[in-house]
Protein backbone atom coordinates (compact mmCIF):
# COMPACT_ATOMS: atom_id res chain seq x y z
CA MET A 1 0.10 0.33 -0.04
CA LYS A 2 1.16 3.20 -1.07
CA ILE A 3 0.83 6.16 1.26
CA ILE A 4 1.88 10.16 1.01
CA ILE A 5 1.63 11.49 4.28
CA ALA A 6 1.38 16.33 4.35
CA GLY A 7 2.58 17.52 7.01
CA ALA A 8 6.50 16.42 9.16
CA GLY A 9 4.33 18.23 12.49
CA ASP A 10 3.05 15.61 15.21
CA VAL A 11 -0.33 14.07 13.73
CA GLY A 12 2.21 13.12 10.72
CA PHE A 13 5.07 11.57 12.99
CA HIS A 14 2.56 9.84 14.82
CA LEU A 15 1.31 8.52 11.84
CA ALA A 16 4.32 7.84 10.08
CA LYS A 17 6.12 5.55 13.05
CA LEU A 18 2.58 3.33 13.26
CA LEU A 19 2.50 2.54 9.28
CA SER A 20 6.85 2.31 10.01
CA TYR A 21 5.85 -1.57 11.79
CA GLU A 22 4.63 -2.55 8.97
CA ALA A 23 6.25 -3.18 5.49
CA GLN A 24 4.23 0.11 4.04
CA ASP A 25 5.32 2.24 1.57
CA THR A 26 5.06 5.82 2.87
CA TYR A 27 6.00 9.07 1.67
CA VAL A 28 6.12 12.22 3.82
CA ILE A 29 6.44 15.80 2.31
CA ASP A 30 7.05 19.41 4.64
CA LEU A 31 9.02 22.23 3.78
CA ASP A 32 10.89 21.52 7.55
CA GLY A 33 13.94 20.71 6.35
CA GLU A 34 14.51 20.15 10.35
CA LYS A 35 11.45 17.42 10.56
CA LEU A 36 11.76 15.52 7.89
CA ASP A 37 15.45 14.82 9.19
CA TYR A 38 14.45 13.66 12.34
CA LEU A 39 11.54 11.90 10.15
CA ASN A 40 14.89 9.64 8.49
CA ASN A 41 16.62 9.24 11.81
CA HIS A 42 13.40 7.97 13.58
CA LEU A 43 11.66 6.02 10.91
CA ASP A 44 11.85 3.28 8.09
CA VAL A 45 9.95 6.49 5.67
CA ILE A 46 10.30 8.11 2.22
CA THR A 47 10.96 12.16 2.52
CA LYS A 48 10.90 14.37 -0.08
CA LYS A 49 11.41 18.25 1.11
CA GLY A 50 8.72 20.68 -0.41
CA ASP A 51 5.43 22.65 -0.73
CA ALA A 52 2.97 19.88 -1.25
CA THR A 53 0.16 21.66 -3.66
CA SER A 54 2.73 21.45 -5.81
CA ILE A 55 1.01 19.25 -8.51
CA LYS A 56 5.35 18.87 -9.68
CA LEU A 57 6.01 17.71 -6.66
CA LEU A 58 3.05 15.26 -6.33
CA LYS A 59 3.87 13.53 -9.51
CA GLU A 60 7.23 12.97 -9.02
CA ILE A 61 6.86 10.95 -6.17
CA GLY A 62 4.30 9.26 -8.22
CA ILE A 63 0.56 10.24 -6.09
CA SER A 64 -1.24 9.10 -9.16
CA SER A 65 -0.14 5.18 -8.14
CA ALA A 66 -0.53 5.43 -4.56
CA ASP A 67 -3.71 4.44 -2.57
CA LEU A 68 -4.07 7.08 0.14
CA LEU A 69 -3.23 10.35 0.56
CA LEU A 70 -3.38 12.36 3.76
CA ALA A 71 -2.89 15.94 4.18
CA VAL A 72 -2.52 16.86 7.87
CA THR A 73 -0.92 19.96 7.79
CA GLU A 74 -1.19 22.81 10.51
CA SER A 75 -3.46 24.59 7.99
CA PRO A 76 -6.76 23.22 7.02
CA ASN A 77 -7.09 25.56 3.53
CA THR A 78 -3.50 24.29 2.62
CA ASN A 79 -4.80 21.28 3.41
CA PHE A 80 -8.52 20.84 1.59
CA THR A 81 -5.84 22.28 -1.63
CA ILE A 82 -3.48 19.08 -1.44
CA SER A 83 -6.95 16.85 -0.92
CA VAL A 84 -8.44 18.25 -4.10
CA ILE A 85 -5.69 18.85 -6.30
CA GLY A 86 -4.43 14.61 -5.36
CA LYS A 87 -7.44 13.28 -6.18
CA ALA A 88 -6.98 14.57 -9.79
CA LEU A 89 -3.85 13.62 -10.67
CA GLY A 90 -5.11 9.75 -9.39
CA VAL A 91 -4.96 9.26 -5.34
CA LYS A 92 -7.64 6.51 -4.72
CA LYS A 93 -8.95 7.96 -0.84
CA THR A 94 -7.35 12.01 0.06
CA ILE A 95 -8.83 12.31 4.19
CA ALA A 96 -7.87 16.04 5.21
CA ARG A 97 -6.75 17.88 8.82
CA ILE A 98 -10.42 20.43 8.74
CA SER A 99 -11.01 22.88 11.30
CA ASN A 100 -14.08 24.82 10.05
CA PRO A 101 -17.24 22.92 11.88
CA GLU A 102 -19.07 24.04 8.51
CA PHE A 103 -16.98 21.59 6.22
CA LEU A 104 -17.79 18.92 8.48
CA LYS A 105 -21.20 19.25 8.74
CA ASN A 106 -22.85 20.61 5.39
CA PRO A 107 -25.16 18.55 3.93
CA CYS A 108 -25.93 21.19 1.15
CA ILE A 109 -21.86 20.59 -0.80
CA ASN A 110 -20.57 17.23 -0.88
CA PHE A 111 -17.20 17.38 -0.46
CA LYS A 112 -16.01 13.87 -2.55
CA GLU A 113 -17.15 15.30 -5.97
CA TYR A 114 -14.17 18.15 -4.47
CA GLY A 115 -11.79 15.41 -4.01
CA VAL A 116 -12.54 15.34 -0.35
CA ASP A 117 -13.16 11.43 0.16
CA PHE A 118 -12.74 12.17 4.60
CA MET A 119 -12.50 15.06 6.70
CA ILE A 120 -11.45 14.72 10.75
CA SER A 121 -10.93 17.61 13.46
CA PRO A 122 -8.63 17.03 16.29
CA GLU A 123 -10.56 19.91 17.82
CA GLU A 124 -13.89 17.75 17.17
CA LEU A 125 -12.28 15.22 18.44
CA ALA A 126 -10.57 16.73 21.36
CA ALA A 127 -13.48 17.73 23.08
CA GLU A 128 -16.03 14.55 22.27
CA GLU A 129 -13.14 12.76 24.11
CA ILE A 130 -13.18 15.26 27.28
CA LYS A 131 -16.55 14.95 27.60
CA LEU A 132 -16.48 10.68 27.46
CA LEU A 133 -13.89 11.35 30.48
CA LEU A 134 -17.13 14.02 32.20
CA ASN A 135 -19.20 10.97 31.71
CA GLN A 136 -16.73 7.77 33.71
CA SER A 137 -15.16 10.27 35.57
CA SER A 138 -13.76 8.16 37.93
CA PHE A 139 -11.23 6.50 35.03
CA ASN A 140 -8.83 8.63 33.46
CA ASP A 141 -9.45 6.81 30.39
CA THR A 142 -12.57 5.56 28.38
CA VAL A 143 -13.36 4.40 24.71
CA ALA A 144 -16.86 3.12 24.15
CA PHE A 145 -17.57 0.36 21.31
CA GLU A 146 -20.98 -0.10 19.25
CA ASN A 147 -22.26 2.64 21.67
CA GLY A 148 -20.75 1.29 25.20
CA VAL A 149 -22.25 -2.74 24.41
CA PHE A 150 -18.45 -2.66 25.57
CA ASN A 151 -16.10 -0.69 27.00
CA ILE A 152 -12.26 0.15 27.85
CA MET A 153 -11.69 1.63 30.98
CA GLY A 154 -8.71 3.23 32.35
CA THR A 155 -7.37 4.11 35.63
CA THR A 156 -4.56 4.10 38.41
CA LEU A 157 -4.33 1.33 41.15
CA GLY A 158 -4.54 3.58 44.88
CA TYR A 159 -4.18 1.50 48.00
CA LYS A 160 -8.07 1.06 49.06
CA SER A 161 -8.33 -0.97 45.86
CA PRO A 162 -8.65 -5.05 47.11
CA ILE A 163 -7.25 -6.59 43.78
CA LEU A 164 -3.69 -4.98 45.35
CA ASP A 165 -0.99 -7.44 45.13
CA LEU A 166 -3.63 -10.31 43.50
CA THR A 167 -2.62 -12.25 40.61
CA VAL A 168 -4.59 -10.92 37.28
CA LYS A 169 -6.04 -14.91 38.09
CA GLU A 170 -6.77 -14.97 41.42
CA ALA A 171 -8.91 -11.36 41.19
CA LYS A 172 -11.35 -12.84 38.33
CA ASP A 173 -11.83 -15.65 40.93
CA LYS A 174 -12.52 -13.61 43.67
CA TYR A 175 -14.83 -11.15 41.57
CA SER A 176 -15.62 -14.16 39.43
CA LEU A 177 -19.53 -13.02 38.92
CA VAL A 178 -18.22 -9.08 37.77
CA ASP A 179 -17.57 -9.66 33.83
CA PHE A 180 -14.20 -7.99 33.30
CA ILE A 181 -10.35 -9.14 31.38
CA THR A 182 -7.93 -6.94 32.83
CA ILE A 183 -5.53 -6.35 29.27
CA ALA A 184 -3.42 -4.08 29.98
CA ILE A 185 -0.55 -2.44 32.35
CA LYS A 186 1.35 0.39 32.69
CA ARG A 187 3.85 -0.13 35.92
CA GLU A 188 4.56 3.18 37.61
CA GLY A 189 8.17 4.44 36.67
CA THR A 190 8.64 2.25 33.57
CA SER A 191 7.60 3.14 30.18
CA GLN A 192 6.54 -0.67 29.58
CA THR A 193 3.56 -1.31 29.25
CA ILE A 194 2.20 -4.88 30.28
CA ILE A 195 0.08 -7.38 28.20
CA PRO A 196 -0.67 -9.45 31.42
CA ARG A 197 -1.38 -13.12 31.79
CA GLY A 198 -2.45 -15.40 34.79
CA ASP A 199 0.23 -14.69 37.47
CA THR A 200 0.95 -10.80 36.80
CA GLU A 201 -0.03 -9.49 39.92
CA TYR A 202 -1.88 -5.78 40.29
CA LYS A 203 0.44 -3.06 41.76
CA ILE A 204 0.19 0.39 43.74
CA ASN A 205 0.02 2.97 41.59
CA ASP A 206 -0.32 0.73 38.70
CA GLN A 207 -1.98 2.66 35.17
CA VAL A 208 -4.74 -1.39 34.32
CA TYR A 209 -6.68 -1.35 31.44
CA PHE A 210 -9.94 -3.22 31.90
CA SER A 211 -12.30 -3.91 29.06
CA VAL A 212 -15.94 -4.25 29.99
CA PRO A 213 -19.54 -4.76 29.18
CA LYS A 214 -21.78 -2.06 30.13
CA TYR A 215 -23.79 -4.33 32.49
CA SER A 216 -20.61 -4.31 34.31
CA ILE A 217 -18.94 -1.24 34.85
CA ASP A 218 -20.97 0.23 38.33
CA LYS A 219 -19.95 -3.86 39.64
CA LEU A 220 -15.97 -2.40 38.77
CA TYR A 221 -16.17 0.34 41.51
CA PRO A 222 -15.47 -1.81 43.74
CA ILE A 223 -12.99 -3.85 42.10
CA ILE A 224 -10.57 -0.77 41.82
CA GLY A 225 -11.51 0.60 45.48
CA LYS A 226 -13.57 3.73 44.50
CA GLU A 227 -16.66 5.54 43.89
CA HIS A 228 -18.95 6.87 41.57
CA ILE A 229 -18.31 10.09 40.59
CA ASP A 230 -21.31 11.96 39.43
CA ILE A 231 -20.24 15.86 38.29
CA LYS A 232 -22.31 18.51 37.46
CA ASN A 233 -20.40 22.33 37.86
CA VAL A 234 -17.33 22.01 34.79
CA MET A 235 -14.84 25.18 35.02
CA ILE A 236 -13.77 24.96 31.55
CA LEU A 237 -9.95 27.57 31.86
CA GLY A 238 -9.82 29.04 27.24
CA GLY A 239 -11.61 29.53 24.80
CA SER A 240 -10.43 27.87 21.82
CA ARG A 241 -12.07 25.84 19.41
CA VAL A 242 -11.34 22.97 21.69
CA GLY A 243 -13.25 24.99 24.84
CA ARG A 244 -15.71 25.79 22.81
CA LYS A 245 -16.69 22.61 20.83
CA THR A 246 -16.20 21.23 24.74
CA ALA A 247 -18.38 23.82 26.87
CA ARG A 248 -21.56 22.76 23.82
CA LYS A 249 -21.48 19.56 23.87
CA LEU A 250 -21.35 19.30 27.79
CA CYS A 251 -24.21 22.32 27.66
CA LYS A 252 -26.59 19.62 25.06
CA ASP A 253 -25.75 17.30 28.16
CA ASN A 254 -26.87 19.03 30.98
CA PHE A 255 -24.16 19.85 33.06
CA LYS A 256 -23.81 23.19 34.05
CA VAL A 257 -20.01 24.66 32.27
CA LYS A 258 -18.15 27.51 33.55
CA LEU A 259 -16.03 29.00 31.15
CA ILE A 260 -12.96 31.67 31.13
CA GLU A 261 -11.51 33.33 28.69
CA LYS A 262 -8.35 36.17 29.07
CA ASP A 263 -9.26 37.82 26.48
CA LYS A 264 -12.33 40.43 26.10
CA ASP A 265 -13.38 39.98 22.28
CA LYS A 266 -12.87 36.37 22.40
CA ALA A 267 -15.20 36.46 25.12
CA MET A 268 -17.91 38.19 24.27
CA GLN A 269 -17.53 36.59 21.14
CA LEU A 270 -18.14 33.17 23.22
CA ALA A 271 -20.77 34.57 25.53
CA GLU A 272 -22.66 35.96 22.78
CA ASP A 273 -23.11 31.97 20.61
CA LEU A 274 -22.93 29.65 24.46
CA ARG A 275 -26.02 30.71 25.35
CA ASN A 276 -26.39 27.90 27.82
CA THR A 277 -22.33 28.35 29.25
CA LEU A 278 -21.43 31.25 31.92
CA VAL A 279 -18.01 33.01 30.29
CA ILE A 280 -16.01 34.65 32.52
CA TYR A 281 -13.86 37.21 31.24
CA GLY A 282 -10.36 36.42 33.18
CA ASP A 283 -7.55 35.34 33.54
CA GLY A 284 -7.78 31.67 35.08
CA ARG A 285 -3.97 31.63 36.00
CA ASP A 286 -4.82 34.45 38.92
CA LEU A 287 -6.22 32.24 41.93
CA GLU A 288 -8.06 35.16 43.56
CA LEU A 289 -10.40 34.55 40.24
CA LEU A 290 -10.57 31.36 40.29
CA GLU A 291 -12.06 31.66 43.97
CA GLU A 292 -14.36 34.23 42.74
CA GLU A 293 -15.69 31.64 39.96
CA SER A 294 -16.47 28.87 42.96
CA ILE A 295 -13.57 26.71 41.32
CA ARG A 296 -13.52 24.18 44.76
CA GLU A 297 -17.73 23.95 44.17
CA MET A 298 -16.87 22.87 40.93
CA ASP A 299 -16.97 19.25 40.19
CA ALA A 300 -14.43 19.20 37.08
CA PHE A 301 -11.34 21.56 35.54
CA VAL A 302 -10.62 21.28 32.24
CA ALA A 303 -8.06 23.10 31.16
CA VAL A 304 -8.25 23.74 27.39
CA THR A 305 -5.98 27.23 26.74
CA GLY A 306 -3.27 27.43 23.91
CA ASP A 307 -0.34 26.65 26.69
CA SER A 308 0.35 23.01 27.20
CA GLU A 309 2.31 24.52 30.88
CA THR A 310 -0.45 26.91 31.38
CA ASN A 311 -3.30 23.48 31.46
CA ILE A 312 -1.47 21.22 33.83
CA MET A 313 -0.61 24.38 35.99
CA SER A 314 -4.18 25.13 36.58
CA CYS A 315 -5.03 21.68 36.77
CA LEU A 316 -2.63 21.03 40.03
CA VAL A 317 -3.66 23.74 41.53
CA ALA A 318 -7.52 22.93 40.75
CA LYS A 319 -6.88 19.53 41.78
CA SER A 320 -5.35 21.26 45.14
CA LYS A 321 -8.54 23.00 45.82
CA GLY A 322 -10.34 19.97 45.57
CA VAL A 323 -12.07 19.41 42.37
CA LYS A 324 -12.67 16.03 42.12
CA LYS A 325 -11.61 15.77 37.84
CA THR A 326 -8.80 17.53 36.02
CA VAL A 327 -8.19 17.35 32.08
CA ALA A 328 -5.51 19.15 30.59
CA LEU A 329 -4.54 19.38 26.61
CA VAL A 330 -0.60 19.53 26.35
CA GLU A 331 0.48 19.86 22.62
CA ASN A 332 3.35 17.65 23.61
CA MET A 333 3.62 14.35 23.41
CA ASP A 334 6.17 13.48 25.15
CA TYR A 335 4.09 14.93 28.37
CA ILE A 336 1.17 12.11 27.48
CA ASN A 337 2.65 9.23 29.46
CA ILE A 338 3.10 11.56 32.65
CA SER A 339 -0.40 12.77 33.82
CA GLN A 340 -0.74 10.29 37.23
CA THR A 341 2.85 11.30 37.91
CA ILE A 342 2.10 14.77 38.84
CA GLY A 343 -0.98 14.07 39.87
CA ILE A 344 -3.18 14.89 37.34
CA ASP A 345 -6.04 12.48 36.51
CA THR A 346 -5.57 12.86 32.56
CA LEU A 347 -3.54 14.51 30.04
CA ILE A 348 -4.64 14.49 26.38
CA ASN A 349 -2.91 15.20 23.15
CA LYS A 350 -6.01 16.57 19.82
CA LYS A 351 -2.89 15.44 17.08
CA LEU A 352 -2.39 12.13 18.70
CA ILE A 353 -6.00 11.31 18.97
CA ALA A 354 -6.52 12.86 15.32
CA ALA A 355 -3.59 10.74 13.99
CA SER A 356 -5.13 7.49 15.73
CA ASN A 357 -8.69 8.22 14.08
CA ILE A 358 -7.13 8.56 10.76
CA PHE A 359 -5.33 5.61 11.50
CA ARG A 360 -8.10 3.36 11.17
CA HIS A 361 -8.16 4.00 7.14
CA ILE A 362 -5.19 3.13 6.81
CA ARG A 363 -6.01 -0.57 8.18
CA LYS A 364 -6.54 -3.82 6.27
CA GLY A 365 -8.56 -6.85 8.19
CA GLU A 366 -12.00 -5.45 8.38
CA ILE A 367 -11.74 -2.57 11.34
CA VAL A 368 -14.60 -1.58 11.81
CA ALA A 369 -12.83 0.83 14.68
CA LEU A 370 -9.52 2.37 16.57
CA ALA A 371 -8.84 4.25 19.98
CA ASN A 372 -5.93 5.20 21.08
CA LEU A 373 -5.30 4.71 24.99
CA HIS A 374 -3.89 8.58 26.71
CA ASN A 375 -0.73 5.85 28.56
CA VAL A 376 0.50 3.57 26.13
CA ASP A 377 1.97 3.81 22.89
CA ALA A 378 -0.38 1.30 21.86
CA GLU A 379 -3.73 0.63 19.85
CA VAL A 380 -7.30 -1.22 20.97
CA PHE A 381 -9.31 -2.49 17.60
CA GLU A 382 -12.20 -4.00 16.82
CA PHE A 383 -11.76 -6.05 13.95
CA GLU A 384 -15.18 -7.60 12.20
CA VAL A 385 -14.62 -11.27 12.48
CA GLN A 386 -14.50 -12.59 8.65
CA PRO A 387 -16.02 -15.89 6.59
CA ASN A 388 -13.25 -18.55 7.10
CA ALA A 389 -10.58 -16.21 9.42
CA LYS A 390 -7.63 -18.10 10.78
CA VAL A 391 -9.26 -16.95 14.55
CA THR A 392 -12.17 -18.95 14.01
CA LYS A 393 -10.15 -22.31 13.56
CA LYS A 394 -10.06 -23.23 16.86
CA ILE A 395 -10.40 -21.76 20.52
CA ILE A 396 -8.69 -18.61 21.61
CA LYS A 397 -6.12 -20.66 24.06
CA GLU A 398 -5.17 -22.78 21.05
CA LEU A 399 -4.80 -19.88 18.50
CA ARG A 400 -1.50 -18.56 18.17
CA PHE A 401 -2.32 -14.87 18.79
CA PRO A 402 0.73 -13.23 20.04
CA ARG A 403 1.82 -12.05 23.39
CA GLU A 404 1.69 -8.15 22.74
CA ALA A 405 -1.54 -8.69 21.78
CA ILE A 406 -5.34 -9.65 24.05
CA ILE A 407 -8.60 -9.84 22.80
CA GLY A 408 -10.26 -8.01 25.10
CA GLY A 409 -13.92 -9.15 24.72
CA VAL A 410 -16.79 -9.89 21.51
CA ILE A 411 -19.70 -8.24 20.82
CA ARG A 412 -22.43 -10.65 19.10
CA ASN A 413 -25.78 -9.29 17.19
CA GLY A 414 -25.28 -6.33 19.54
CA GLU A 415 -24.56 -9.30 22.53
CA ALA A 416 -21.14 -8.70 24.90
CA LEU A 417 -19.86 -12.17 25.39
CA MET A 418 -16.21 -12.64 27.63
CA SER A 419 -13.35 -13.90 25.60
CA PHE A 420 -11.52 -16.55 28.09
CA GLY A 421 -9.86 -19.39 26.17
CA ASP A 422 -12.41 -21.68 25.74
CA PHE A 423 -14.13 -19.39 23.55
CA GLN A 424 -14.20 -19.76 19.48
CA LEU A 425 -15.11 -16.35 17.43
CA GLN A 426 -17.11 -16.86 14.76
CA SER A 427 -18.11 -14.82 11.00
CA GLY A 428 -19.93 -11.39 12.46
CA ASP A 429 -18.59 -11.51 15.49
CA LYS A 430 -17.06 -7.91 16.16
CA ALA A 431 -13.68 -8.78 18.54
CA ILE A 432 -12.70 -6.32 20.51
CA VAL A 433 -8.42 -6.16 20.49
CA PHE A 434 -5.50 -4.77 22.18
CA CYS A 435 -2.78 -5.11 20.52
CA LEU A 436 1.21 -3.05 20.44
CA PRO A 437 2.45 -1.74 17.57
CA GLU A 438 4.61 -5.31 16.81
CA ALA A 439 2.06 -7.25 16.83
CA ILE A 440 -0.90 -6.04 14.64
CA THR A 441 0.68 -7.00 11.14
CA THR A 442 0.13 -10.22 12.87
CA VAL A 443 -3.51 -10.31 14.01
CA GLU A 444 -4.67 -8.77 11.32
CA ASP A 445 -3.60 -12.01 9.62
CA LEU A 446 -5.80 -13.84 12.07
CA PHE A 447 -8.14 -11.68 10.99
CA ASN A 448 -8.41 -11.96 7.15
CA ASN A 449 -10.21 -14.22 5.67
CA GLY A 450 -6.91 -15.48 3.65
CA LYS A 451 -8.20 -14.19 0.53
CA SER A 452 -5.40 -11.52 0.50
């Protein structure tokens, strides 16, 4: 598969990194030579310095034989232009990173006719992620599959958790009436992600990811030693695109929202636009202002300014004032793994979320959905099992399933089923699979029907 990525920024780099784990013919175009040098030193991709809107350049790298063009530069207008030109020159499919909400939801114009097959907004995806996190407030990471029939829930184990120092098998035996599968553990102070086996022990401050059917979510709280936090009052710092979209989504779900914006004109515009949100003009770094606006009465604090350090520090202040749930938007991907270490519930990166969302368009093997977990360098896939696929031939424990992957559950005819060792997959099943990057190709092969 030949893939061309326009833009070597964070989104482009993460996409190229994901693609480098398999035999994809990947080209990356950018005007910034330093970014391309960094890519060349770290990844197995072909780089080309230049303007991705150049017809000559696109022809030089063989756009007409490319399967996919990913336009993910910082400029939405440039991405739109690249997609249109690329389609006219013969690329099979185009995906553009766009921020204009009118483009994303406009029934009047069919953008496919102009050459843009799919559009993605990092801001829209980040806002949706924040809403999900607030709805499952005792967890710092959550992904829903098939409208919540199955869910991936991440949390840090505190000293109150009754499964501390138990093995995975012991915990499963102790809570045999609760349906859950532990799919990953990230140990404090390490970068390694553990795919747990029966003898893996739970330790204090482990970041643990569970695969849970909808009906078992409430039963999971006693196991992790936490109570469900009912969140109603939310304070948002920053009237950025993410802040605006988050406020709108939360108000639609009947949250009570206060939004602080330090730019007077923008604050007035937001107040006009967000009728159900209380917009406050002021600097959210001002402790007096936060106290005046009843920071101690807030259930959640969401910091989404354009400055990562401001977002992190303000969340730490909110935590010190007793706010139960904090979410900070960060630009630097290196920050993502330190949220639990520094005391913030969740750090999110809109570019990482966008890259993972785009990545599912690249996959083969009938992938229905794909999600990225915040604290681990891995993916969660939803595969639709194909007729005659290798995974249908034997029960799970007899399959040659890689140690770097685990099946977290199966949805069959809309019903959640637990995928323990004696379970056998059938054609038409949808399987939730947690997978480290090095095992993606092997897992895909197992779910293919053998024709490719």
